[in-house]
PDB file of N, CA and C in Angstrom:
ATOM      1  N   MET A   1      93.463  99.585  97.147  1.00  0.00           N
ATOM      2  CA  MET A   1      94.793  99.130  97.099  1.00  0.00           C
ATOM      3  C   MET A   1      95.131  98.599  98.463  1.00  0.00           C
ATOM      4  N   GLU A   2      95.631  97.396  98.743  1.00  0.00           N
ATOM      5  CA  GLU A   2      96.039  96.875 100.134  1.00  0.00           C
ATOM      6  C   GLU A   2      97.400  96.676  99.917  1.00  0.00           C
ATOM      7  N   ILE A   3      98.285  97.045 101.066  1.00  0.00           N
ATOM      8  CA  ILE A   3      99.462  96.582 101.200  1.00  0.00           C
ATOM      9  C   ILE A   3      99.935  96.036 102.545  1.00  0.00           C
ATOM     10  N   GLU A   4     101.097  95.467 102.679  1.00  0.00           N
ATOM     11  CA  GLU A   4     101.133  94.931 104.072  1.00  0.00           C
ATOM     12  C   GLU A   4     102.698  95.610 104.410  1.00  0.00           C
ATOM     13  N   THR A   5     102.733  96.266 105.534  1.00  0.00           N
ATOM     14  CA  THR A   5     104.170  96.774 105.958  1.00  0.00           C
ATOM     15  C   THR A   5     104.152  96.653 107.154  1.00  0.00           C
ATOM     16  N   ILE A   6     105.467  96.893 107.831  1.00  0.00           N
ATOM     17  CA  ILE A   6     105.757  96.680 109.374  1.00  0.00           C
ATOM     18  C   ILE A   6     105.980  98.076 109.887  1.00  0.00           C
ATOM     19  N   ALA A   7     105.274  98.361 111.239  1.00  0.00           N
ATOM     20  CA  ALA A   7     105.553  99.267 111.894  1.00  0.00           C
ATOM     21  C   ALA A   7     106.732  99.390 112.442  1.00  0.00           C
ATOM     22  N   LYS A   8     107.553 100.470 112.374  1.00  0.00           N
ATOM     23  CA  LYS A   8     108.780 100.625 113.065  1.00  0.00           C
ATOM     24  C   LYS A   8     108.915 101.921 114.266  1.00  0.00           C
ATOM     25  N   ARG A   9     109.804 101.821 115.181  1.00  0.00           N
ATOM     26  CA  ARG A   9     109.956 102.966 116.065  1.00  0.00           C
ATOM     27  C   ARG A   9     110.901 103.865 115.229  1.00  0.00           C
ATOM     28  N   TRP A  10     110.475 105.217 115.449  1.00  0.00           N
ATOM     29  CA  TRP A  10     111.113 106.435 114.890  1.00  0.00           C
ATOM     30  C   TRP A  10     111.091 107.401 116.168  1.00  0.00           C
ATOM     31  N   GLY A  11     111.996 107.409 117.071  1.00  0.00           N
ATOM     32  CA  GLY A  11     112.032 108.040 118.165  1.00  0.00           C
ATOM     33  C   GLY A  11     111.104 107.752 119.136  1.00  0.00           C
ATOM     34  N   SER A  12     110.308 108.418 119.584  1.00  0.00           N
ATOM     35  CA  SER A  12     109.229 108.073 120.339  1.00  0.00           C
ATOM     36  C   SER A  12     107.742 107.844 119.464  1.00  0.00           C
ATOM     37  N   SER A  13     107.992 107.852 118.416  1.00  0.00           N
ATOM     38  CA  SER A  13     106.800 107.475 117.493  1.00  0.00           C
ATOM     39  C   SER A  13     106.904 106.154 116.727  1.00  0.00           C
ATOM     40  N   ILE A  14     105.742 105.548 116.143  1.00  0.00           N
ATOM     41  CA  ILE A  14     105.995 104.530 115.225  1.00  0.00           C
ATOM     42  C   ILE A  14     105.406 105.127 113.974  1.00  0.00           C
ATOM     43  N   GLY A  15     106.281 104.520 112.862  1.00  0.00           N
ATOM     44  CA  GLY A  15     105.790 104.821 111.572  1.00  0.00           C
ATOM     45  C   GLY A  15     105.973 103.721 110.516  1.00  0.00           C
ATOM     46  N   VAL A  16     105.451 103.878 109.406  1.00  0.00           N
ATOM     47  CA  VAL A  16     105.294 102.843 108.328  1.00  0.00           C
ATOM     48  C   VAL A  16     106.124 103.478 107.246  1.00  0.00           C
ATOM     49  N   VAL A  17     106.585 102.750 106.235  1.00  0.00           N
ATOM     50  CA  VAL A  17     107.128 103.236 105.110  1.00  0.00           C
ATOM     51  C   VAL A  17     106.217 102.726 103.954  1.00  0.00           C
ATOM     52  N   LEU A  18     105.864 103.350 103.002  1.00  0.00           N
ATOM     53  CA  LEU A  18     105.217 102.994 101.969  1.00  0.00           C
ATOM     54  C   LEU A  18     106.205 102.704 100.701  1.00  0.00           C
ATOM     55  N   PRO A  19     105.829 101.463 100.071  1.00  0.00           N
ATOM     56  CA  PRO A  19     106.778 101.163  99.008  1.00  0.00           C
ATOM     57  C   PRO A  19     106.652 102.118  97.738  1.00  0.00           C
ATOM     58  N   LYS A  20     107.763 102.214  97.024  1.00  0.00           N
ATOM     59  CA  LYS A  20     107.825 103.143  95.931  1.00  0.00           C
ATOM     60  C   LYS A  20     106.767 102.995  94.824  1.00  0.00           C
ATOM     61  N   SER A  21     106.434 101.665  94.787  1.00  0.00           N
ATOM     62  CA  SER A  21     105.394 101.189  93.800  1.00  0.00           C
ATOM     63  C   SER A  21     104.024 101.918  94.129  1.00  0.00           C
ATOM     64  N   VAL A  22     103.727 101.883  95.414  1.00  0.00           N
ATOM     65  CA  VAL A  22     102.434 102.410  95.939  1.00  0.00           C
ATOM     66  C   VAL A  22     102.462 104.049  95.652  1.00  0.00           C
ATOM     67  N   ILE A  23     103.670 104.610  96.023  1.00  0.00           N
ATOM     68  CA  ILE A  23     103.757 106.011  96.107  1.00  0.00           C
ATOM     69  C   ILE A  23     103.449 106.440  94.618  1.00  0.00           C
ATOM     70  N   ASP A  24     104.154 105.642  93.582  1.00  0.00           N
ATOM     71  CA  ASP A  24     103.878 106.086  92.181  1.00  0.00           C
ATOM     72  C   ASP A  24     102.589 105.818  91.746  1.00  0.00           C
ATOM     73  N   ALA A  25     102.192 104.745  91.976  1.00  0.00           N
ATOM     74  CA  ALA A  25     100.744 104.339  91.549  1.00  0.00           C
ATOM     75  C   ALA A  25      99.613 105.318  92.019  1.00  0.00           C
ATOM     76  N   ARG A  26      99.855 105.713  93.266  1.00  0.00           N
ATOM     77  CA  ARG A  26      98.757 106.777  93.766  1.00  0.00           C
ATOM     78  C   ARG A  26      99.293 108.249  93.477  1.00  0.00           C
ATOM     79  N   LYS A  27     100.449 108.530  92.974  1.00  0.00           N
ATOM     80  CA  LYS A  27     100.970 109.783  92.961  1.00  0.00           C
ATOM     81  C   LYS A  27     100.926 110.571  94.143  1.00  0.00           C
ATOM     82  N   ILE A  28     101.438 110.012  95.191  1.00  0.00           N
ATOM     83  CA  ILE A  28     101.521 110.709  96.464  1.00  0.00           C
ATOM     84  C   ILE A  28     102.848 111.451  96.517  1.00  0.00           C
ATOM     85  N   ARG A  29     102.520 112.699  97.051  1.00  0.00           N
ATOM     86  CA  ARG A  29     103.700 113.630  96.976  1.00  0.00           C
ATOM     87  C   ARG A  29     103.790 114.024  98.685  1.00  0.00           C
ATOM     88  N   GLU A  30     105.119 114.613  98.950  1.00  0.00           N
ATOM     89  CA  GLU A  30     105.377 115.105 100.137  1.00  0.00           C
ATOM     90  C   GLU A  30     104.236 115.975 100.716  1.00  0.00           C
ATOM     91  N   ASN A  31     103.822 115.813 101.992  1.00  0.00           N
ATOM     92  CA  ASN A  31     102.901 116.706 102.559  1.00  0.00           C
ATOM     93  C   ASN A  31     101.442 116.362 102.105  1.00  0.00           C
ATOM     94  N   ASP A  32     101.147 115.350 101.377  1.00  0.00           N
ATOM     95  CA  ASP A  32      99.869 115.095 101.018  1.00  0.00           C
ATOM     96  C   ASP A  32      98.910 114.361 102.125  1.00  0.00           C
ATOM     97  N   LYS A  33      97.952 114.677 102.161  1.00  0.00           N
ATOM     98  CA  LYS A  33      97.072 113.915 103.346  1.00  0.00           C
ATOM     99  C   LYS A  33      96.676 112.551 102.815  1.00  0.00           C
ATOM    100  N   ILE A  34      96.989 111.464 103.657  1.00  0.00           N
ATOM    101  CA  ILE A  34      96.276 110.124 103.125  1.00  0.00           C
ATOM    102  C   ILE A  34      95.681 109.534 104.241  1.00  0.00           C
ATOM    103  N   VAL A  35      94.831 108.536 104.065  1.00  0.00           N
ATOM    104  CA  VAL A  35      94.207 107.864 105.076  1.00  0.00           C
ATOM    105  C   VAL A  35      94.677 106.315 105.046  1.00  0.00           C
ATOM    106  N   ILE A  36      95.024 106.015 106.302  1.00  0.00           N
ATOM    107  CA  ILE A  36      95.409 104.629 106.410  1.00  0.00           C
ATOM    108  C   ILE A  36      94.634 103.727 107.310  1.00  0.00           C
ATOM    109  N   GLU A  37      94.098 102.642 106.738  1.00  0.00           N
ATOM    110  CA  GLU A  37      93.201 101.874 107.829  1.00  0.00           C
ATOM    111  C   GLU A  37      93.999 100.939 108.474  1.00  0.00           C
ATOM    112  N   ILE A  38      93.868 100.818 109.832  1.00  0.00           N
ATOM    113  CA  ILE A  38      94.816 100.034 110.561  1.00  0.00           C
ATOM    114  C   ILE A  38      94.107  98.682 110.846  1.00  0.00           C
ATOM    115  N   LYS A  39      94.773  97.571 110.714  1.00  0.00           N
ATOM    116  CA  LYS A  39      94.352  96.260 111.044  1.00  0.00           C
ATOM    117  C   LYS A  39      95.520  95.556 111.534  1.00  0.00           C
ATOM    118  N   THR A  40      95.119  94.893 112.889  1.00  0.00           N
ATOM    119  CA  THR A  40      96.240  94.227 113.361  1.00  0.00           C
ATOM    120  C   THR A  40      95.833  92.649 113.613  1.00  0.00           C
ATOM    121  N   GLN A  41      96.844  91.694 113.608  1.00  0.00           N
ATOM    122  CA  GLN A  41      96.411  90.390 113.862  1.00  0.00           C
ATOM    123  C   GLN A  41      96.616  90.150 115.223  1.00  0.00           C
ATOM    124  N   PRO A  42      95.365  89.564 115.947  1.00  0.00           N
ATOM    125  CA  PRO A  42      95.363  89.284 117.199  1.00  0.00           C
ATOM    126  C   PRO A  42      96.329  88.279 117.544  1.00  0.00           C
ATOM    127  N   LEU A  43      96.800  88.469 118.892  1.00  0.00           N
ATOM    128  CA  LEU A  43      97.927  87.334 119.180  1.00  0.00           C
ATOM    129  C   LEU A  43      97.136  86.308 119.978  1.00  0.00           C
ATOM    130  N   MET A  44      97.063  85.253 119.400  1.00  0.00           N
ATOM    131  CA  MET A  44      96.285  84.245 119.897  1.00  0.00           C
ATOM    132  C   MET A  44      96.985  83.292 121.142  1.00  0.00           C
ATOM    133  N   GLU A  45      98.290  83.255 121.188  1.00  0.00           N
ATOM    134  CA  GLU A  45      98.782  82.516 122.214  1.00  0.00           C
ATOM    135  C   GLU A  45      98.547  82.965 123.659  1.00  0.00           C
ATOM    136  N   GLY A  46      98.194  84.116 123.978  1.00  0.00           N
ATOM    137  CA  GLY A  46      97.824  84.645 125.107  1.00  0.00           C
ATOM    138  C   GLY A  46      96.283  84.387 125.610  1.00  0.00           C
ATOM    139  N   MET A  47      95.615  83.985 124.765  1.00  0.00           N
ATOM    140  CA  MET A  47      94.113  83.857 125.119  1.00  0.00           C
ATOM    141  C   MET A  47      93.879  82.456 125.511  1.00  0.00           C
ATOM    142  N   PHE A  48      94.459  81.373 125.222  1.00  0.00           N
ATOM    143  CA  PHE A  48      94.155  79.981 125.452  1.00  0.00           C
ATOM    144  C   PHE A  48      94.468  79.781 126.870  1.00  0.00           C
ATOM    145  N   GLY A  49      93.414  79.038 127.542  1.00  0.00           N
ATOM    146  CA  GLY A  49      93.555  78.802 129.017  1.00  0.00           C
ATOM    147  C   GLY A  49      93.107  79.806 129.979  1.00  0.00           C
ATOM    148  N   LYS A  50      92.643  80.884 129.317  1.00  0.00           N
ATOM    149  CA  LYS A  50      92.138  82.086 130.191  1.00  0.00           C
ATOM    150  C   LYS A  50      90.623  81.986 130.456  1.00  0.00           C
ATOM    151  N   TYR A  51      89.934  81.302 129.453  1.00  0.00           N
ATOM    152  CA  TYR A  51      88.353  81.308 129.275  1.00  0.00           C
ATOM    153  C   TYR A  51      87.914  79.902 129.491  1.00  0.00           C
ATOM    154  N   PRO A  52      86.815  79.793 130.125  1.00  0.00           N
ATOM    155  CA  PRO A  52      86.131  78.406 130.174  1.00  0.00           C
ATOM    156  C   PRO A  52      85.911  77.781 128.885  1.00  0.00           C
ATOM    157  N   ARG A  53      85.894  76.548 128.707  1.00  0.00           N
ATOM    158  CA  ARG A  53      85.754  75.960 127.372  1.00  0.00           C
ATOM    159  C   ARG A  53      84.230  75.683 127.330  1.00  0.00           C
ATOM    160  N   THR A  54      83.801  76.345 126.151  1.00  0.00           N
ATOM    161  CA  THR A  54      82.192  76.170 126.103  1.00  0.00           C
ATOM    162  C   THR A  54      81.953  75.608 124.530  1.00  0.00           C
ATOM    163  N   SER A  55      83.034  75.124 124.133  1.00  0.00           N
ATOM    164  CA  SER A  55      83.133  74.356 122.699  1.00  0.00           C
ATOM    165  C   SER A  55      83.808  73.087 122.682  1.00  0.00           C
ATOM    166  N   LYS A  56      83.194  72.322 121.654  1.00  0.00           N
ATOM    167  CA  LYS A  56      83.932  70.943 121.747  1.00  0.00           C
ATOM    168  C   LYS A  56      85.209  71.047 120.522  1.00  0.00           C
ATOM    169  N   ARG A  57      85.219  72.083 120.181  1.00  0.00           N
ATOM    170  CA  ARG A  57      86.492  72.383 119.146  1.00  0.00           C
ATOM    171  C   ARG A  57      87.644  72.336 119.879  1.00  0.00           C
ATOM    172  N   THR A  58      88.778  71.843 119.163  1.00  0.00           N
ATOM    173  CA  THR A  58      90.202  71.805 119.941  1.00  0.00           C
ATOM    174  C   THR A  58      90.609  73.209 119.891  1.00  0.00           C
ATOM    175  N   ALA A  59      91.645  73.400 120.500  1.00  0.00           N
ATOM    176  CA  ALA A  59      92.543  74.870 120.632  1.00  0.00           C
ATOM    177  C   ALA A  59      92.716  75.117 119.115  1.00  0.00           C
ATOM    178  N   GLN A  60      93.600  74.150 118.550  1.00  0.00           N
ATOM    179  CA  GLN A  60      94.123  74.492 117.143  1.00  0.00           C
ATOM    180  C   GLN A  60      92.856  74.666 116.110  1.00  0.00           C
ATOM    181  N   GLU A  61      91.713  74.196 116.293  1.00  0.00           N
ATOM    182  CA  GLU A  61      90.512  74.449 115.460  1.00  0.00           C
ATOM    183  C   GLU A  61      90.082  75.976 115.682  1.00  0.00           C
ATOM    184  N   LEU A  62      90.107  76.458 116.991  1.00  0.00           N
ATOM    185  CA  LEU A  62      89.675  77.652 117.239  1.00  0.00           C
ATOM    186  C   LEU A  62      90.745  78.709 116.669  1.00  0.00           C
ATOM    187  N   LYS A  63      92.072  78.369 116.855  1.00  0.00           N
ATOM    188  CA  LYS A  63      93.140  79.199 116.228  1.00  0.00           C
ATOM    189  C   LYS A  63      93.094  79.328 114.759  1.00  0.00           C
ATOM    190  N   ASP A  64      92.680  78.211 114.073  1.00  0.00           N
ATOM    191  CA  ASP A  64      92.712  78.280 112.637  1.00  0.00           C
ATOM    192  C   ASP A  64      91.515  79.164 112.195  1.00  0.00           C
ATOM    193  N   GLU A  65      90.314  79.096 112.992  1.00  0.00           N
ATOM    194  CA  GLU A  65      89.263  79.826 112.543  1.00  0.00           C
ATOM    195  C   GLU A  65      89.460  81.336 112.915  1.00  0.00           C
ATOM    196  N   ALA A  66      90.133  81.732 113.757  1.00  0.00           N
ATOM    197  CA  ALA A  66      90.390  82.995 114.184  1.00  0.00           C
ATOM    198  C   ALA A  66      91.609  83.489 113.181  1.00  0.00           C
ATOM    199  N   ARG A  67      92.422  82.830 112.616  1.00  0.00           N
ATOM    200  CA  ARG A  67      93.357  83.367 111.520  1.00  0.00           C
ATOM    201  C   ARG A  67      92.741  83.535 110.232  1.00  0.00           C
ATOM    202  N   LYS A  68      91.542  82.987 109.986  1.00  0.00           N
ATOM    203  CA  LYS A  68      90.877  83.095 108.655  1.00  0.00           C
ATOM    204  C   LYS A  68      90.877  84.608 108.236  1.00  0.00           C
ATOM    205  N   GLY A  69      91.480  84.791 107.052  1.00  0.00           N
ATOM    206  CA  GLY A  69      91.174  86.206 106.498  1.00  0.00           C
ATOM    207  C   GLY A  69      92.557  87.048 106.753  1.00  0.00           C
ATOM    208  N   TRP A  70      93.757  86.321 107.343  1.00  0.00           N
ATOM    209  CA  TRP A  70      94.922  87.059 107.621  1.00  0.00           C
ATOM    210  C   TRP A  70      96.078  86.529 106.953  1.00  0.00           C
ATOM    211  N   ASP A  71      95.815  85.364 106.138  1.00  0.00           N
ATOM    212  CA  ASP A  71      96.721  84.800 105.280  1.00  0.00           C
ATOM    213  C   ASP A  71      97.017  85.530 103.991  1.00  0.00           C
TER     214      ASP A  71
END
């Protein structure tokens, strides 16, 4: 099962909220141990212009390729 959620600050920590539908489907209870795989979408705007151009593709083509799989 894969869900998308947003990390929020809780004091000095960062936490995520699991939707009720996921909790019910997986029968998650308080103090259950769960495993979360973390994937973050790379920030592309800071990359362009920092590296020498070695490709004939445009910046937009490179950005589109990097975003594949994140939609």
